[in-house]
């Protein structure tokens, strides 16, 4: 019994013949899988970009809360200043009246 690969040959008569070529069955070549020697972290990979975006969003929310809090504090301080300015004007009214009387006496 002859082992080999069957091949087709065409004669001049346009008839097909099956011819067995000696050599035996082909052996499959063993393919070695690649071995990872060192895991290299990508410099600008998708994971890095997503973490950067998360950090940027966190910083934006922090800034937004700081700006909101500072504007609220400024509003409260302005109200306090307006109140103290009103109190000062009320205190200055009698002084202004006294100065007018002094000017009338001098004048």
C-alpha atoms as a PDB file:
ATOM      1  CA  UNK A   1       0.000   0.000   0.000  1.00  0.00           C
ATOM      2  CA  UNK A   2       1.386   3.388  -1.017  1.00  0.00           C
ATOM      3  CA  UNK A   3       0.774   6.438   1.183  1.00  0.00           C
ATOM      4  CA  UNK A   4       0.834   9.881  -0.281  1.00  0.00           C
ATOM      5  CA  UNK A   5      -1.113  12.853  -1.434  1.00  0.00           C
ATOM      6  CA  UNK A   6      -3.587  12.353  -4.214  1.00  0.00           C
ATOM      7  CA  UNK A   7      -3.128  14.748  -7.110  1.00  0.00           C
ATOM      8  CA  UNK A   8      -5.065  15.262 -10.274  1.00  0.00           C
ATOM      9  CA  UNK A   9      -3.372  15.112 -13.625  1.00  0.00           C
ATOM     10  CA  UNK A  10      -4.923  16.005 -16.933  1.00  0.00           C
ATOM     11  CA  UNK A  11      -4.001  13.959 -19.992  1.00  0.00           C
ATOM     12  CA  UNK A  12      -4.237  15.118 -23.530  1.00  0.00           C
ATOM     13  CA  UNK A  13      -7.434  13.126 -23.808  1.00  0.00           C
ATOM     14  CA  UNK A  14      -9.093  15.462 -21.299  1.00  0.00           C
ATOM     15  CA  UNK A  15      -9.521  12.593 -18.890  1.00  0.00           C
ATOM     16  CA  UNK A  16      -8.758  13.039 -15.223  1.00  0.00           C
ATOM     17  CA  UNK A  17      -6.534  10.570 -13.459  1.00  0.00           C
ATOM     18  CA  UNK A  18      -5.842  10.345  -9.764  1.00  0.00           C
ATOM     19  CA  UNK A  19      -2.165   9.725  -9.128  1.00  0.00           C
ATOM     20  CA  UNK A  20      -0.757   9.060  -5.674  1.00  0.00           C
ATOM     21  CA  UNK A  21       2.522  10.875  -5.076  1.00  0.00           C
ATOM     22  CA  UNK A  22       4.798   9.073  -2.645  1.00  0.00           C
ATOM     23  CA  UNK A  23       5.944  10.897   0.459  1.00  0.00           C
ATOM     24  CA  UNK A  24       3.407  10.054   3.094  1.00  0.00           C
ATOM     25  CA  UNK A  25       0.968  12.285   4.866  1.00  0.00           C
ATOM     26  CA  UNK A  26       2.120  15.785   5.757  1.00  0.00           C
ATOM     27  CA  UNK A  27       2.780  16.434   9.372  1.00  0.00           C
ATOM     28  CA  UNK A  28       1.332  19.577  10.862  1.00  0.00           C
ATOM     29  CA  UNK A  29       3.934  22.028  11.914  1.00  0.00           C
ATOM     30  CA  UNK A  30       3.859  22.964  15.535  1.00  0.00           C
ATOM     31  CA  UNK A  31       3.219  26.635  16.024  1.00  0.00           C
ATOM     32  CA  UNK A  32       4.555  28.061  19.226  1.00  0.00           C
ATOM     33  CA  UNK A  33       2.400  30.613  20.926  1.00  0.00           C
ATOM     34  CA  UNK A  34       4.089  33.912  21.686  1.00  0.00           C
ATOM     35  CA  UNK A  35       5.321  34.319  25.229  1.00  0.00           C
ATOM     36  CA  UNK A  36       4.727  37.612  26.959  1.00  0.00           C
ATOM     37  CA  UNK A  37       8.012  38.517  28.548  1.00  0.00           C
ATOM     38  CA  UNK A  38       7.135  41.966  29.819  1.00  0.00           C
ATOM     39  CA  UNK A  39       3.852  43.793  29.984  1.00  0.00           C
ATOM     40  CA  UNK A  40       4.341  47.261  28.612  1.00  0.00           C
ATOM     41  CA  UNK A  41       1.889  49.900  29.739  1.00  0.00           C
ATOM     42  CA  UNK A  42       0.622  51.982  26.840  1.00  0.00           C
ATOM     43  CA  UNK A  43       1.510  55.643  27.153  1.00  0.00           C
ATOM     44  CA  UNK A  44      -1.607  57.059  25.600  1.00  0.00           C
ATOM     45  CA  UNK A  45      -3.892  54.058  25.469  1.00  0.00           C
ATOM     46  CA  UNK A  46      -7.636  54.062  25.880  1.00  0.00           C
ATOM     47  CA  UNK A  47      -7.390  53.352  29.595  1.00  0.00           C
ATOM     48  CA  UNK A  48      -5.092  56.326  30.154  1.00  0.00           C
ATOM     49  CA  UNK A  49      -7.369  58.612  28.198  1.00  0.00           C
ATOM     50  CA  UNK A  50     -10.442  57.510  30.135  1.00  0.00           C
ATOM     51  CA  UNK A  51      -8.701  58.049  33.475  1.00  0.00           C
ATOM     52  CA  UNK A  52      -7.538  61.475  32.325  1.00  0.00           C
ATOM     53  CA  UNK A  53     -11.095  62.350  31.327  1.00  0.00           C
ATOM     54  CA  UNK A  54     -12.374  61.180  34.704  1.00  0.00           C
ATOM     55  CA  UNK A  55      -9.799  63.348  36.460  1.00  0.00           C
ATOM     56  CA  UNK A  56     -10.724  66.340  34.314  1.00  0.00           C
ATOM     57  CA  UNK A  57     -14.427  65.841  35.053  1.00  0.00           C
ATOM     58  CA  UNK A  58     -13.704  65.530  38.775  1.00  0.00           C
ATOM     59  CA  UNK A  59     -11.659  68.738  38.677  1.00  0.00           C
ATOM     60  CA  UNK A  60     -14.461  70.509  36.817  1.00  0.00           C
ATOM     61  CA  UNK A  61     -17.028  69.481  39.424  1.00  0.00           C
ATOM     62  CA  UNK A  62     -14.695  70.625  42.213  1.00  0.00           C
ATOM     63  CA  UNK A  63     -14.211  73.977  40.507  1.00  0.00           C
ATOM     64  CA  UNK A  64     -17.951  74.343  39.964  1.00  0.00           C
ATOM     65  CA  UNK A  65     -18.701  73.694  43.629  1.00  0.00           C
ATOM     66  CA  UNK A  66     -15.940  76.084  44.716  1.00  0.00           C
ATOM     67  CA  UNK A  67     -17.221  78.836  42.432  1.00  0.00           C
ATOM     68  CA  UNK A  68     -20.792  78.292  43.613  1.00  0.00           C
ATOM     69  CA  UNK A  69     -19.761  78.360  47.268  1.00  0.00           C
ATOM     70  CA  UNK A  70     -17.611  81.446  46.794  1.00  0.00           C
ATOM     71  CA  UNK A  71     -20.390  83.335  45.000  1.00  0.00           C
ATOM     72  CA  UNK A  72     -22.798  82.450  47.807  1.00  0.00           C
ATOM     73  CA  UNK A  73     -20.277  83.665  50.384  1.00  0.00           C
ATOM     74  CA  UNK A  74     -19.699  86.847  48.397  1.00  0.00           C
ATOM     75  CA  UNK A  75     -23.435  87.436  48.275  1.00  0.00           C
ATOM     76  CA  UNK A  76     -23.691  87.053  52.051  1.00  0.00           C
ATOM     77  CA  UNK A  77     -20.713  89.349  52.614  1.00  0.00           C
ATOM     78  CA  UNK A  78     -22.179  91.984  50.301  1.00  0.00           C
ATOM     79  CA  UNK A  79     -25.437  91.860  52.261  1.00  0.00           C
ATOM     80  CA  UNK A  80     -23.487  92.313  55.512  1.00  0.00           C
ATOM     81  CA  UNK A  81     -21.568  95.250  54.010  1.00  0.00           C
ATOM     82  CA  UNK A  82     -24.783  96.871  52.807  1.00  0.00           C
ATOM     83  CA  UNK A  83     -26.301  96.453  56.255  1.00  0.00           C
ATOM     84  CA  UNK A  84     -23.241  97.891  57.989  1.00  0.00           C
ATOM     85  CA  UNK A  85     -23.127 100.766  55.479  1.00  0.00           C
ATOM     86  CA  UNK A  86     -26.791 101.495  56.234  1.00  0.00           C
ATOM     87  CA  UNK A  87     -26.051 101.437  59.963  1.00  0.00           C
ATOM     88  CA  UNK A  88     -23.113 103.803  59.452  1.00  0.00           C
ATOM     89  CA  UNK A  89     -25.294 106.221  57.475  1.00  0.00           C
ATOM     90  CA  UNK A  90     -27.884 106.197  60.279  1.00  0.00           C
ATOM     91  CA  UNK A  91     -25.140 106.980  62.788  1.00  0.00           C
ATOM     92  CA  UNK A  92     -23.814 109.802  60.631  1.00  0.00           C
ATOM     93  CA  UNK A  93     -27.216 111.546  60.306  1.00  0.00           C
ATOM     94  CA  UNK A  94     -27.086 113.127  63.798  1.00  0.00           C
ATOM     95  CA  UNK A  95     -23.451 114.125  63.250  1.00  0.00           C
ATOM     96  CA  UNK A  96     -24.434 115.778  59.968  1.00  0.00           C
ATOM     97  CA  UNK A  97     -27.248 117.656  61.712  1.00  0.00           C
ATOM     98  CA  UNK A  98     -24.846 118.865  64.402  1.00  0.00           C
ATOM     99  CA  UNK A  99     -22.351 120.041  61.766  1.00  0.00           C
ATOM    100  CA  UNK A 100     -25.097 121.992  59.988  1.00  0.00           C
ATOM    101  CA  UNK A 101     -25.981 123.742  63.267  1.00  0.00           C
ATOM    102  CA  UNK A 102     -22.307 124.571  63.876  1.00  0.00           C
ATOM    103  CA  UNK A 103     -21.978 126.005  60.348  1.00  0.00           C
ATOM    104  CA  UNK A 104     -25.111 128.119  60.861  1.00  0.00           C
ATOM    105  CA  UNK A 105     -23.705 129.581  64.054  1.00  0.00           C
ATOM    106  CA  UNK A 106     -20.361 130.295  62.432  1.00  0.00           C
ATOM    107  CA  UNK A 107     -21.784 131.630  59.243  1.00  0.00           C
END
